[in-house]
Amino acid sequence: MALENLQPTEVFKWFEEICKIPHGSGNLKKISNFLVKFAKDRNLYVRQDKELNVVIKKPGTPGYEDHEPVILQGHMDMVAVKEKGAKINMEKDGLDVTTDGEFVWANGTSLGGDDGIAVAYALALLDSKDIPHPPLEIIITTNEEVGMDGAVALDCFDITGKKLINLDNEEEGVMIVSCAGGARFHGYLPLTRENKSGIKVKIHVKGLQGGHSGEMIVKGRGNANVIMGRLLLEITDALEVGLISLNGGVADNAIASDCEAELLLMGLASQMHGKIKGPDVSFFSLFGKLSSIAYKVEADLKAELGIKDPGLSIEVEEVVENSLPPEKTDVSNMESVNLDSSVDAYTEIHEKREVVSGIIPCSEVIELARCICAMPYGVQAMSASIEGLVETSLNLGILKIVSNQSGAIEGASAASQSAGTMTEAFLLDYSVRSSIAPAKDALLRKMEIIIESFGGIFETTGEYPGWAYREESPLREKMLEVYKRLYKKDMRVEAIHAGLECGLFSEKIENLDCVSIGPDMQDIHSTNEKLSVASTKSTWDYLCALLKEM
């Protein structure tokens, strides 16, 4: 056990057990069943619904049996992200967790501290025999990271408590009392395939920090999917290219740190438009031209991003289908490319050409690039009432090609007659957030108009309400009092731009009083994610002290 020497022992024991079970969003049957078995083994009330949500109840300890129940709530799914080249299969394998005594992380992947630590806290309490507490009602939901689907579907008929502590915050000493509402926007642009002759190349946008799009969007970090759109726009201004494959990002609510596209270089854009005819165009080095464009875009973006995201790298690589190593260009080391017009250069390129089937034509690559660049991105408005709080934003979390054979376009097709013949499409998957519902609706409408203007269709899913600040909150006041007595300082009370399930539960449970807390975490939803050991213990001590007084 990698975490067995960490304190609190009981919490890290269960956290490591959770990490052994794959539990990315949409892959939750095993962990849900694990929670059910845990409860049954201890003769606790347990309910699992068709969405795999789990409700577990534990009576109050002696002297607390008749006290008002307290609801503890978190979600069992994580954003499953891995480093490029990592051999782990995140749908089948557990995480490789490790620690240096100060932090816990997973080698090569995200950690899932968001929100595995909530589940670990809950299991430690349910398993305890000596921690005083009132009756506990534990709610562990599913697929929070992809639209709060579990919380939306959960029937709360067996929940009697009126005080809910959500354990999905990532900063110790901060109590969240309000959050933004949001939705997922799926835009689909049509594509076709044809056979074309050219040179296979790969472009890779990488090295960005990524992060949670609710918390980190205000920091102005680079998004690899948005950068890919800008790069493709510049490339298609100069070169005729077809697209073979495209894949960027892992979740709509994670800022994309990596995006890769495989292209077929076919000629100059001027040749495609008939501006240059004859063999002269063949003297240009297409690969050199592509590298030169990539270098310029990288340099421009590095100047724009500055210290906000300094690690951006754009790599250009020739795809070679034999045993020879591919020609690779790290454009960060280039200053310019001299376009060689010699016959030898043309002959070399001509010999590398091959006929490739299933190529997406350049005209459709152009439309994709223009659409990405036309779409709004990032912070759209800041709150007028709370300084530093983002009011409205959106994030292009996923950019890839999807097929209707897997049902990926069915939802949008149902809403659009024009989608009946769309067998493949570019998917632009956005997380949209706003603390002002009309602002969110207006932004979604703008996105719909843009997608439709490029001949695409759209679908909006996973809408969830914002969570309004409650003027009278006995729970909040009790928690502030206990924290100050325990740590001799005031707890900060804040609203956040990220989404929490508190808004949904406030709608489901009449007169619900709820807050959100949690230990310190860094870079959630990314392979740099870390959980603070000391903060995990401090938050555990606070939670136990709080339950003793409730």
Protein backbone atom coordinates (compact mmCIF):
# COMPACT_ATOMS: atom_id res chain seq x y z
CA MET A 1 0.00 0.00 0.00
CA ALA A 2 1.69 3.19 -1.19
CA LEU A 3 -0.28 5.47 1.15
CA GLU A 4 -0.37 3.32 4.31
CA ASN A 5 1.92 5.61 6.34
CA LEU A 6 -0.09 8.77 5.69
CA GLN A 7 -2.43 10.40 8.19
CA PRO A 8 -5.38 10.10 8.57
CA THR A 9 -4.78 6.39 8.02
CA GLU A 10 -8.45 5.49 7.66
CA VAL A 11 -9.05 8.09 4.95
CA PHE A 12 -5.99 7.26 2.84
CA LYS A 13 -6.72 3.54 3.20
CA TRP A 14 -10.07 3.97 1.49
CA PHE A 15 -8.75 6.50 -1.00
CA GLU A 16 -6.16 3.99 -2.19
CA GLU A 17 -8.84 1.28 -2.43
CA ILE A 18 -10.90 3.59 -4.64
CA CYS A 19 -7.86 4.28 -6.83
CA LYS A 20 -7.54 0.54 -7.52
CA ILE A 21 -10.92 0.61 -9.30
CA PRO A 22 -11.23 2.32 -12.72
CA HIS A 23 -13.83 5.07 -12.29
CA GLY A 24 -13.69 7.55 -15.13
CA SER A 25 -17.03 9.10 -16.06
CA GLY A 26 -19.23 6.53 -17.81
CA ASN A 27 -17.21 3.61 -16.42
CA LEU A 28 -18.72 3.35 -12.95
CA LYS A 29 -20.35 -0.06 -12.56
CA LYS A 30 -17.42 -1.53 -10.59
CA ILE A 31 -17.00 1.33 -8.16
CA SER A 32 -20.75 1.65 -7.64
CA ASN A 33 -20.99 -2.06 -6.86
CA PHE A 34 -17.98 -1.73 -4.55
CA LEU A 35 -19.84 0.92 -2.54
CA VAL A 36 -22.96 -1.24 -2.34
CA LYS A 37 -20.95 -4.23 -1.10
CA PHE A 38 -19.15 -2.02 1.43
CA ALA A 39 -22.50 -0.98 2.91
CA LYS A 40 -24.00 -4.48 2.91
CA ASP A 41 -20.92 -5.90 4.62
CA ARG A 42 -21.60 -3.46 7.48
CA ASN A 43 -25.36 -4.02 7.56
CA LEU A 44 -26.04 -0.43 6.55
CA TYR A 45 -29.02 0.81 4.56
CA VAL A 46 -28.00 1.08 0.91
CA ARG A 47 -29.77 1.94 -2.33
CA GLN A 48 -28.34 1.83 -5.85
CA ASP A 49 -30.47 3.29 -8.65
CA LYS A 50 -30.40 2.68 -12.39
CA GLU A 51 -27.91 5.54 -12.88
CA LEU A 52 -25.61 3.74 -10.38
CA ASN A 53 -25.98 6.49 -7.76
CA VAL A 54 -25.51 5.10 -4.25
CA VAL A 55 -27.26 6.22 -1.04
CA ILE A 56 -25.95 4.81 2.26
CA LYS A 57 -27.35 5.55 5.71
CA LYS A 58 -25.75 5.04 9.10
CA PRO A 59 -27.53 5.60 12.44
CA GLY A 60 -26.20 8.16 14.89
CA THR A 61 -23.68 7.01 17.46
CA PRO A 62 -24.78 6.60 21.13
CA GLY A 63 -26.21 9.87 22.38
CA TYR A 64 -26.80 11.15 18.83
CA GLU A 65 -29.47 8.69 17.69
CA ASP A 66 -32.32 11.24 17.73
CA HIS A 67 -30.39 14.15 16.28
CA GLU A 68 -31.21 15.63 12.87
CA PRO A 69 -29.49 13.71 10.04
CA VAL A 70 -26.58 15.27 8.19
CA ILE A 71 -26.17 14.63 4.45
CA LEU A 72 -22.62 14.20 3.13
CA GLN A 73 -22.39 14.30 -0.65
CA GLY A 74 -19.80 13.77 -3.37
CA HIS A 75 -19.43 12.03 -6.73
CA MET A 76 -17.70 8.75 -7.60
CA ASP A 77 -16.50 9.58 -11.13
CA MET A 78 -13.24 11.26 -12.10
CA VAL A 79 -11.88 12.94 -15.21
CA ALA A 80 -9.65 10.13 -16.49
CA VAL A 81 -6.66 11.76 -18.22
CA LYS A 82 -3.33 10.16 -19.05
CA GLU A 83 -0.06 11.39 -20.46
CA LYS A 84 0.63 10.69 -24.11
CA GLY A 85 2.35 7.34 -24.37
CA ALA A 86 1.26 6.12 -20.92
CA LYS A 87 0.56 2.39 -21.14
CA ILE A 88 -2.24 2.35 -18.59
CA ASN A 89 -5.76 1.49 -19.81
CA MET A 90 -7.90 3.82 -17.71
CA GLU A 91 -11.04 1.82 -18.46
CA LYS A 92 -9.56 -1.36 -17.01
CA ASP A 93 -6.55 -0.54 -14.81
CA GLY A 94 -6.25 1.05 -11.40
CA LEU A 95 -4.16 4.16 -10.81
CA ASP A 96 -0.47 4.08 -9.91
CA VAL A 97 -0.67 6.30 -6.83
CA THR A 98 2.40 7.54 -5.00
CA THR A 99 3.40 10.13 -2.41
CA ASP A 100 6.36 12.11 -1.13
CA GLY A 101 4.65 12.65 2.22
CA GLU A 102 3.52 16.14 1.24
CA PHE A 103 1.34 15.36 -1.77
CA VAL A 104 -0.36 12.35 -3.33
CA TRP A 105 -0.49 11.93 -7.12
CA ALA A 106 -0.84 9.24 -9.78
CA ASN A 107 2.05 8.46 -12.13
CA GLY A 108 1.18 9.31 -15.72
CA THR A 109 -2.51 10.06 -15.06
CA SER A 110 -4.93 12.28 -13.23
CA LEU A 111 -5.48 11.32 -9.59
CA GLY A 112 -9.24 11.66 -9.19
CA GLY A 113 -8.94 13.49 -5.88
CA ASP A 114 -11.89 15.29 -7.40
CA ASP A 115 -13.95 13.68 -6.02
CA GLY A 116 -12.45 10.44 -4.71
CA ILE A 117 -11.50 12.19 -1.48
CA ALA A 118 -15.20 12.79 -0.74
CA VAL A 119 -15.87 9.08 -1.15
CA ALA A 120 -12.88 8.24 1.08
CA TYR A 121 -14.08 10.61 3.82
CA ALA A 122 -17.54 9.04 3.65
CA LEU A 123 -16.25 5.46 3.79
CA ALA A 124 -13.97 6.27 6.72
CA LEU A 125 -16.94 7.67 8.66
CA LEU A 126 -19.20 4.77 7.73
CA ASP A 127 -16.50 2.29 8.78
CA SER A 128 -15.69 4.01 12.06
CA LYS A 129 -16.79 2.78 15.48
CA ASP A 130 -15.45 5.62 17.66
CA ILE A 131 -16.22 8.89 15.81
CA PRO A 132 -19.28 10.63 17.34
CA HIS A 133 -21.81 11.72 14.73
CA PRO A 134 -25.54 12.24 14.16
CA PRO A 135 -27.38 9.99 11.68
CA LEU A 136 -25.53 10.14 8.34
CA GLU A 137 -27.08 10.10 4.87
CA ILE A 138 -24.34 9.61 2.29
CA ILE A 139 -25.10 10.45 -1.34
CA ILE A 140 -22.48 9.43 -3.92
CA THR A 141 -23.53 10.42 -7.44
CA THR A 142 -22.38 9.39 -10.92
CA ASN A 143 -21.13 11.23 -14.00
CA GLU A 144 -20.85 14.60 -12.32
CA GLU A 145 -17.92 15.47 -14.57
CA VAL A 146 -19.94 15.10 -17.78
CA GLY A 147 -23.08 16.99 -16.84
CA MET A 148 -24.17 15.95 -13.31
CA ASP A 149 -26.25 13.19 -14.86
CA GLY A 150 -26.44 11.15 -11.66
CA ALA A 151 -27.65 14.04 -9.51
CA VAL A 152 -30.21 15.00 -12.16
CA ALA A 153 -31.69 11.49 -12.13
CA LEU A 154 -31.51 10.77 -8.37
CA ASP A 155 -34.81 10.38 -6.54
CA CYS A 156 -34.38 11.72 -2.99
CA PHE A 157 -37.44 9.98 -1.52
CA ASP A 158 -35.39 8.36 1.26
CA ILE A 159 -33.40 11.48 2.21
CA THR A 160 -34.74 13.07 5.38
CA GLY A 161 -31.93 15.46 6.28
CA LYS A 162 -32.11 19.19 5.58
CA LYS A 163 -28.41 20.00 6.05
CA LEU A 164 -26.03 18.95 3.28
CA ILE A 165 -22.23 19.19 3.25
CA ASN A 166 -20.88 18.79 -0.26
CA LEU A 167 -17.27 17.55 -0.25
CA ASP A 168 -16.30 18.66 -3.76
CA ASN A 169 -14.30 21.82 -3.10
CA GLU A 170 -10.55 21.96 -3.74
CA GLU A 171 -9.36 24.60 -1.28
CA GLU A 172 -9.12 24.13 2.48
CA GLY A 173 -10.40 26.96 4.63
CA VAL A 174 -12.86 28.06 1.96
CA MET A 175 -16.58 27.48 2.22
CA ILE A 176 -18.47 27.61 -1.07
CA VAL A 177 -22.02 28.94 -0.77
CA SER A 178 -22.98 29.62 -4.40
CA CYS A 179 -21.99 28.42 -7.87
CA ALA A 180 -22.69 28.85 -11.55
CA GLY A 181 -25.16 26.89 -13.63
CA GLY A 182 -24.15 25.33 -16.90
CA ALA A 183 -24.64 22.95 -19.81
CA ARG A 184 -22.76 20.88 -22.39
CA PHE A 185 -22.95 22.06 -25.98
CA HIS A 186 -22.21 19.52 -28.72
CA GLY A 187 -21.64 21.03 -32.15
CA TYR A 188 -21.41 18.74 -35.21
CA LEU A 189 -19.97 19.83 -38.57
CA PRO A 190 -20.52 17.50 -41.55
CA LEU A 191 -17.59 15.85 -43.29
CA THR A 192 -16.98 13.63 -46.30
CA ARG A 193 -14.15 11.34 -47.39
CA GLU A 194 -12.32 10.92 -50.69
CA ASN A 195 -9.08 9.53 -52.12
CA LYS A 196 -6.22 11.99 -52.52
CA SER A 197 -2.50 11.95 -53.29
CA GLY A 198 0.00 13.67 -51.01
CA ILE A 199 2.47 13.47 -48.15
CA LYS A 200 1.36 12.34 -44.69
CA VAL A 201 2.33 14.62 -41.80
CA LYS A 202 1.34 15.00 -38.18
CA ILE A 203 1.02 18.21 -36.18
CA HIS A 204 0.91 18.10 -32.40
CA VAL A 205 -0.07 20.96 -30.08
CA LYS A 206 1.21 20.06 -26.60
CA GLY A 207 2.91 21.25 -23.42
CA LEU A 208 -0.02 23.28 -22.08
CA GLN A 209 -1.09 23.19 -18.43
CA GLY A 210 -4.78 22.39 -18.94
CA GLY A 211 -6.89 22.28 -15.79
CA HIS A 212 -10.48 22.59 -14.65
CA SER A 213 -12.38 24.93 -16.95
CA GLY A 214 -14.47 26.38 -14.12
CA GLU A 215 -11.60 27.28 -11.84
CA MET A 216 -8.77 27.88 -14.33
CA ILE A 217 -10.56 29.61 -17.22
CA VAL A 218 -9.91 32.99 -15.57
CA LYS A 219 -6.14 32.35 -15.67
CA GLY A 220 -6.05 32.63 -19.48
CA ARG A 221 -4.30 29.31 -20.09
CA GLY A 222 -3.93 28.05 -23.64
CA ASN A 223 -6.42 25.56 -25.05
CA ALA A 224 -4.88 23.07 -27.51
CA ASN A 225 -8.16 22.64 -29.42
CA VAL A 226 -8.59 26.37 -29.97
CA ILE A 227 -4.93 26.64 -30.97
CA MET A 228 -5.40 23.78 -33.45
CA GLY A 229 -8.25 25.70 -35.07
CA ARG A 230 -6.06 28.76 -35.44
CA LEU A 231 -3.18 26.66 -36.76
CA LEU A 232 -5.37 24.92 -39.36
CA LEU A 233 -6.68 28.30 -40.50
CA GLU A 234 -3.14 29.54 -41.10
CA ILE A 235 -2.13 26.30 -42.81
CA THR A 236 -5.10 26.26 -45.20
CA ASP A 237 -4.43 29.90 -46.14
CA ALA A 238 -1.14 28.72 -47.67
CA LEU A 239 -1.41 24.98 -48.33
CA GLU A 240 -3.88 22.50 -49.72
CA VAL A 241 -4.23 19.83 -47.07
CA GLY A 242 -6.58 16.98 -46.36
CA LEU A 243 -7.34 15.71 -42.87
CA ILE A 244 -6.81 12.08 -41.90
CA SER A 245 -7.46 12.17 -38.14
CA LEU A 246 -8.06 14.69 -35.37
CA ASN A 247 -8.14 14.23 -31.60
CA GLY A 248 -7.91 16.82 -28.85
CA GLY A 249 -8.95 17.03 -25.20
CA VAL A 250 -10.52 14.53 -22.82
CA ALA A 251 -13.55 16.22 -21.24
CA ASP A 252 -15.73 19.22 -21.97
CA ASN A 253 -14.90 20.76 -18.57
CA ALA A 254 -11.13 20.27 -18.82
CA ILE A 255 -9.02 22.84 -20.67
CA ALA A 256 -7.43 20.84 -23.50
CA SER A 257 -3.67 20.52 -23.02
CA ASP A 258 -3.04 18.33 -26.08
CA CYS A 259 -4.39 18.11 -29.64
CA GLU A 260 -3.06 16.09 -32.58
CA ALA A 261 -3.99 16.05 -36.25
CA GLU A 262 -2.74 13.92 -39.14
CA LEU A 263 -2.77 15.75 -42.46
CA LEU A 264 -2.14 14.99 -46.10
CA LEU A 265 -0.04 17.68 -47.78
CA MET A 266 -1.22 18.03 -51.39
CA GLY A 267 0.04 21.36 -52.71
CA LEU A 268 -0.15 25.10 -52.34
CA ALA A 269 -3.46 26.81 -51.67
CA SER A 270 -2.79 29.07 -54.68
CA GLN A 271 -2.59 25.98 -56.87
CA MET A 272 -5.87 24.73 -55.45
CA HIS A 273 -7.56 28.02 -56.33
CA GLY A 274 -6.07 28.06 -59.81
CA LYS A 275 -3.79 31.03 -59.19
CA ILE A 276 -0.64 29.08 -60.07
CA LYS A 277 -0.59 26.51 -62.84
CA GLY A 278 2.03 24.21 -64.22
CA PRO A 279 5.07 22.49 -62.72
CA ASP A 280 6.60 25.58 -61.06
CA VAL A 281 4.62 24.97 -57.89
CA SER A 282 6.30 21.60 -57.46
CA PHE A 283 9.58 23.27 -56.60
CA PHE A 284 8.30 24.35 -53.19
CA SER A 285 9.10 22.28 -50.14
CA LEU A 286 5.65 21.65 -48.71
CA PHE A 287 6.95 20.19 -45.48
CA GLY A 288 9.21 23.20 -44.97
CA LYS A 289 6.34 25.57 -45.62
CA LEU A 290 4.17 23.74 -43.07
CA SER A 291 6.95 23.91 -40.48
CA SER A 292 7.41 27.61 -41.13
CA ILE A 293 3.68 28.27 -40.53
CA ALA A 294 3.72 26.21 -37.34
CA TYR A 295 6.74 28.13 -36.09
CA LYS A 296 5.03 31.48 -36.69
CA VAL A 297 1.82 30.41 -34.94
CA GLU A 298 3.78 29.05 -31.98
CA ALA A 299 5.81 32.24 -31.69
CA ASP A 300 2.69 34.42 -31.88
CA LEU A 301 0.90 32.37 -29.23
CA LYS A 302 3.87 32.27 -26.90
CA ALA A 303 3.93 36.06 -27.03
CA GLU A 304 0.19 36.15 -26.28
CA LEU A 305 0.23 33.57 -23.49
CA GLY A 306 3.44 34.76 -21.86
CA ILE A 307 3.86 33.43 -18.32
CA LYS A 308 0.22 32.28 -18.21
CA ASP A 309 1.12 29.09 -20.09
CA PRO A 310 4.79 29.08 -21.11
CA GLY A 311 5.11 25.41 -22.09
CA LEU A 312 3.35 25.53 -25.48
CA SER A 313 5.03 23.44 -28.17
CA ILE A 314 3.93 22.73 -31.74
CA GLU A 315 5.64 19.75 -33.33
CA VAL A 316 5.53 18.88 -37.03
CA GLU A 317 6.39 15.34 -38.08
CA GLU A 318 6.40 13.44 -41.35
CA VAL A 319 4.53 10.13 -41.11
CA VAL A 320 6.67 7.36 -42.58
CA GLU A 321 5.10 3.95 -43.08
CA ASN A 322 8.39 2.01 -42.98
CA SER A 323 11.18 1.28 -40.53
CA LEU A 324 12.99 4.56 -41.11
CA PRO A 325 12.54 7.18 -38.36
CA PRO A 326 10.22 10.04 -39.41
CA GLU A 327 11.50 13.49 -40.13
CA LYS A 328 10.49 15.61 -37.14
CA THR A 329 10.65 19.36 -36.67
CA ASP A 330 10.36 21.03 -33.29
CA VAL A 331 9.33 24.43 -34.60
CA SER A 332 10.41 26.18 -31.40
CA ASN A 333 14.01 25.85 -32.60
CA MET A 334 13.33 27.35 -36.03
CA GLU A 335 13.62 30.94 -37.10
CA SER A 336 12.65 30.61 -40.75
CA VAL A 337 12.42 28.12 -43.56
CA ASN A 338 14.02 28.78 -46.92
CA LEU A 339 11.72 27.35 -49.54
CA ASP A 340 14.00 25.32 -51.81
CA SER A 341 12.93 25.59 -55.43
CA SER A 342 15.44 23.09 -56.76
CA VAL A 343 14.49 20.15 -58.93
CA ASP A 344 16.04 17.81 -56.35
CA ALA A 345 13.70 19.10 -53.67
CA TYR A 346 10.71 18.58 -55.96
CA THR A 347 11.83 15.06 -56.87
CA GLU A 348 12.19 14.11 -53.20
CA ILE A 349 8.69 15.34 -52.40
CA HIS A 350 7.18 13.81 -55.51
CA GLU A 351 8.59 10.40 -54.60
CA LYS A 352 7.07 10.59 -51.11
CA ARG A 353 3.57 11.14 -52.43
CA GLU A 354 1.07 8.34 -52.04
CA VAL A 355 -2.62 7.88 -52.70
CA VAL A 356 -4.49 7.79 -49.41
CA SER A 357 -8.13 6.77 -49.07
CA GLY A 358 -10.63 8.35 -46.69
CA ILE A 359 -9.26 11.88 -46.73
CA ILE A 360 -11.40 14.79 -45.50
CA PRO A 361 -11.03 17.44 -48.24
CA CYS A 362 -9.37 20.78 -47.69
CA SER A 363 -12.61 22.74 -48.14
CA GLU A 364 -14.05 21.01 -45.06
CA VAL A 365 -10.85 21.51 -43.06
CA ILE A 366 -11.18 25.22 -43.83
CA GLU A 367 -14.79 25.26 -42.60
CA LEU A 368 -13.79 23.52 -39.37
CA ALA A 369 -10.95 25.97 -38.74
CA ARG A 370 -13.16 28.97 -39.45
CA CYS A 371 -15.89 27.66 -37.16
CA ILE A 372 -13.48 27.11 -34.25
CA CYS A 373 -12.06 30.60 -34.73
CA ALA A 374 -15.54 32.16 -35.04
CA MET A 375 -16.80 30.51 -31.86
CA PRO A 376 -16.42 32.51 -28.63
CA TYR A 377 -14.01 31.06 -26.10
CA GLY A 378 -12.95 31.68 -22.52
CA VAL A 379 -14.24 34.33 -20.14
CA GLN A 380 -17.19 36.22 -21.60
CA ALA A 381 -18.16 38.35 -18.59
CA MET A 382 -17.00 39.01 -15.03
CA SER A 383 -19.39 39.39 -12.11
CA ALA A 384 -20.47 42.95 -11.37
CA SER A 385 -21.24 42.12 -7.74
CA ILE A 386 -18.34 39.85 -6.68
CA GLU A 387 -14.84 41.08 -7.52
CA GLY A 388 -12.71 38.55 -9.40
CA LEU A 389 -15.56 36.07 -10.01
CA VAL A 390 -16.17 34.91 -13.59
CA GLU A 391 -19.83 35.30 -14.48
CA THR A 392 -19.98 33.62 -17.91
CA SER A 393 -17.50 31.45 -19.81
CA LEU A 394 -17.14 28.53 -22.19
CA ASN A 395 -14.47 25.92 -22.90
CA LEU A 396 -13.81 23.81 -26.02
CA GLY A 397 -12.91 20.63 -24.15
CA ILE A 398 -13.11 18.01 -26.92
CA LEU A 399 -12.33 18.25 -30.64
CA LYS A 400 -12.51 15.02 -32.63
CA ILE A 401 -14.19 13.04 -35.42
CA VAL A 402 -17.24 10.97 -34.45
CA SER A 403 -19.33 8.41 -36.32
CA ASN A 404 -23.08 7.89 -36.19
CA GLN A 405 -22.44 4.15 -36.31
CA SER A 406 -21.69 4.43 -32.58
CA GLY A 407 -24.74 6.62 -32.04
CA ALA A 408 -22.59 9.68 -31.36
CA ILE A 409 -24.71 12.01 -33.50
CA GLU A 410 -28.14 10.53 -32.75
CA GLY A 411 -29.20 13.13 -30.20
CA ALA A 412 -28.43 16.02 -32.51
CA SER A 413 -30.00 14.18 -35.44
CA ALA A 414 -33.26 13.92 -33.55
CA ALA A 415 -33.35 17.70 -33.32
CA SER A 416 -32.41 18.37 -36.94
CA GLN A 417 -33.90 16.90 -40.10
CA SER A 418 -30.80 17.97 -42.02
CA ALA A 419 -28.73 15.51 -39.99
CA GLY A 420 -30.38 12.45 -41.41
CA THR A 421 -27.52 11.71 -43.81
CA MET A 422 -24.69 12.77 -41.50
CA THR A 423 -22.70 9.57 -40.95
CA GLU A 424 -19.53 11.30 -39.71
CA ALA A 425 -18.91 14.70 -38.21
CA PHE A 426 -16.42 16.95 -36.48
CA LEU A 427 -17.44 17.18 -32.82
CA LEU A 428 -16.87 20.45 -30.98
CA ASP A 429 -17.73 19.73 -27.33
CA TYR A 430 -18.08 22.76 -25.02
CA SER A 431 -18.74 23.34 -21.34
CA VAL A 432 -20.81 26.51 -20.92
CA ARG A 433 -21.17 28.18 -17.51
CA SER A 434 -22.85 31.25 -16.09
CA SER A 435 -24.16 32.42 -12.75
CA ILE A 436 -26.81 34.38 -14.68
CA ALA A 437 -29.25 32.01 -16.41
CA PRO A 438 -30.27 34.44 -19.22
CA ALA A 439 -26.58 35.03 -20.01
CA LYS A 440 -26.01 31.28 -20.30
CA ASP A 441 -29.03 30.94 -22.59
CA ALA A 442 -27.89 33.85 -24.77
CA LEU A 443 -24.41 32.35 -25.14
CA LEU A 444 -25.84 28.96 -26.09
CA ARG A 445 -28.05 30.64 -28.70
CA LYS A 446 -25.05 32.45 -30.19
CA MET A 447 -23.20 29.12 -30.45
CA GLU A 448 -26.21 27.50 -32.13
CA ILE A 449 -26.30 30.28 -34.74
CA ILE A 450 -22.58 29.92 -35.49
CA ILE A 451 -22.74 26.13 -35.85
CA GLU A 452 -25.79 26.34 -38.11
CA SER A 453 -24.13 29.03 -40.26
CA PHE A 454 -21.35 26.52 -41.02
CA GLY A 455 -23.88 23.86 -42.02
CA GLY A 456 -23.71 22.00 -38.73
CA ILE A 457 -26.16 20.82 -36.11
CA PHE A 458 -26.08 20.95 -32.32
CA GLU A 459 -27.31 19.33 -29.16
CA THR A 460 -27.42 20.75 -25.62
CA THR A 461 -27.27 18.27 -22.73
CA GLY A 462 -26.53 18.11 -19.03
CA GLU A 463 -28.07 21.45 -18.10
CA TYR A 464 -27.87 22.14 -14.39
CA PRO A 465 -29.05 25.09 -12.33
CA GLY A 466 -26.93 27.58 -10.51
CA TRP A 467 -26.86 27.50 -6.74
CA ALA A 468 -28.08 30.75 -5.21
CA TYR A 469 -26.66 32.20 -1.99
CA ARG A 470 -28.89 31.53 1.03
CA GLU A 471 -29.29 34.54 3.32
CA GLU A 472 -30.25 32.49 6.40
CA SER A 473 -28.06 29.42 6.90
CA PRO A 474 -27.72 27.86 10.36
CA LEU A 475 -25.39 25.25 8.82
CA ARG A 476 -23.06 27.92 7.46
CA GLU A 477 -22.97 29.75 10.79
CA LYS A 478 -22.25 26.57 12.78
CA MET A 479 -19.46 25.57 10.40
CA LEU A 480 -17.84 29.02 10.58
CA GLU A 481 -18.00 28.91 14.37
CA VAL A 482 -16.41 25.45 14.62
CA TYR A 483 -13.66 26.29 12.12
CA LYS A 484 -12.65 29.47 13.95
CA ARG A 485 -12.57 27.69 17.31
CA LEU A 486 -10.50 24.82 15.86
CA TYR A 487 -7.99 26.82 13.79
CA LYS A 488 -8.10 30.29 15.40
CA LYS A 489 -8.87 32.00 12.10
CA ASP A 490 -11.89 32.79 9.95
CA MET A 491 -13.01 30.55 7.13
CA ARG A 492 -13.46 32.33 3.81
CA VAL A 493 -16.96 32.32 2.32
CA GLU A 494 -16.97 32.40 -1.49
CA ALA A 495 -18.97 31.85 -4.64
CA ILE A 496 -17.32 29.96 -7.52
CA HIS A 497 -17.66 29.79 -11.28
CA ALA A 498 -17.43 25.99 -11.34
CA GLY A 499 -20.58 23.88 -11.12
CA LEU A 500 -21.59 21.92 -8.02
CA GLU A 501 -24.44 19.52 -7.43
CA CYS A 502 -25.77 21.68 -4.58
CA GLY A 503 -28.05 23.54 -6.98
CA LEU A 504 -29.74 20.32 -8.07
CA PHE A 505 -30.18 19.06 -4.51
CA SER A 506 -31.58 22.43 -3.45
CA GLU A 507 -34.30 21.92 -6.05
CA LYS A 508 -34.97 18.30 -5.00
CA ILE A 509 -34.98 18.72 -1.20
CA GLU A 510 -37.26 21.42 0.17
CA ASN A 511 -35.63 24.01 2.44
CA LEU A 512 -32.19 22.45 2.04
CA ASP A 513 -29.31 24.23 3.79
CA CYS A 514 -26.02 23.32 2.12
CA VAL A 515 -22.38 24.33 1.77
CA SER A 516 -19.29 22.88 0.05
CA ILE A 517 -15.84 22.24 1.56
CA GLY A 518 -12.78 20.11 0.78
CA PRO A 519 -8.99 19.78 1.09
CA ASP A 520 -6.34 21.46 -1.04
CA MET A 521 -5.85 20.03 -4.54
CA GLN A 522 -3.80 21.28 -7.45
CA ASP A 523 -4.42 21.04 -11.20
CA ILE A 524 -7.47 18.77 -11.04
CA HIS A 525 -8.60 17.21 -14.33
CA SER A 526 -4.99 17.00 -15.48
CA THR A 527 -1.99 14.67 -15.19
CA ASN A 528 -0.43 17.22 -12.82
CA GLU A 529 -3.20 16.73 -10.24
CA LYS A 530 -2.01 16.57 -6.62
CA LEU A 531 -3.77 16.13 -3.27
CA SER A 532 -2.27 17.75 -0.17
CA VAL A 533 -1.68 15.25 2.65
CA ALA A 534 -1.68 17.85 5.45
CA SER A 535 -4.84 19.49 4.11
CA THR A 536 -6.59 16.12 3.83
CA LYS A 537 -5.92 15.59 7.54
CA SER A 538 -6.96 19.13 8.54
CA THR A 539 -10.23 18.84 6.62
CA TRP A 540 -10.87 15.40 8.18
CA ASP A 541 -10.26 16.76 11.68
CA TYR A 542 -12.62 19.66 10.93
CA LEU A 543 -15.32 17.37 9.56
CA CYS A 544 -15.15 15.07 12.60
CA ALA A 545 -15.26 18.03 15.02
CA LEU A 546 -18.19 19.49 13.12
CA LEU A 547 -20.22 16.25 13.18
CA LYS A 548 -19.58 15.90 16.91
CA GLU A 549 -21.26 19.29 17.47
CA MET A 550 -24.20 18.80 15.11
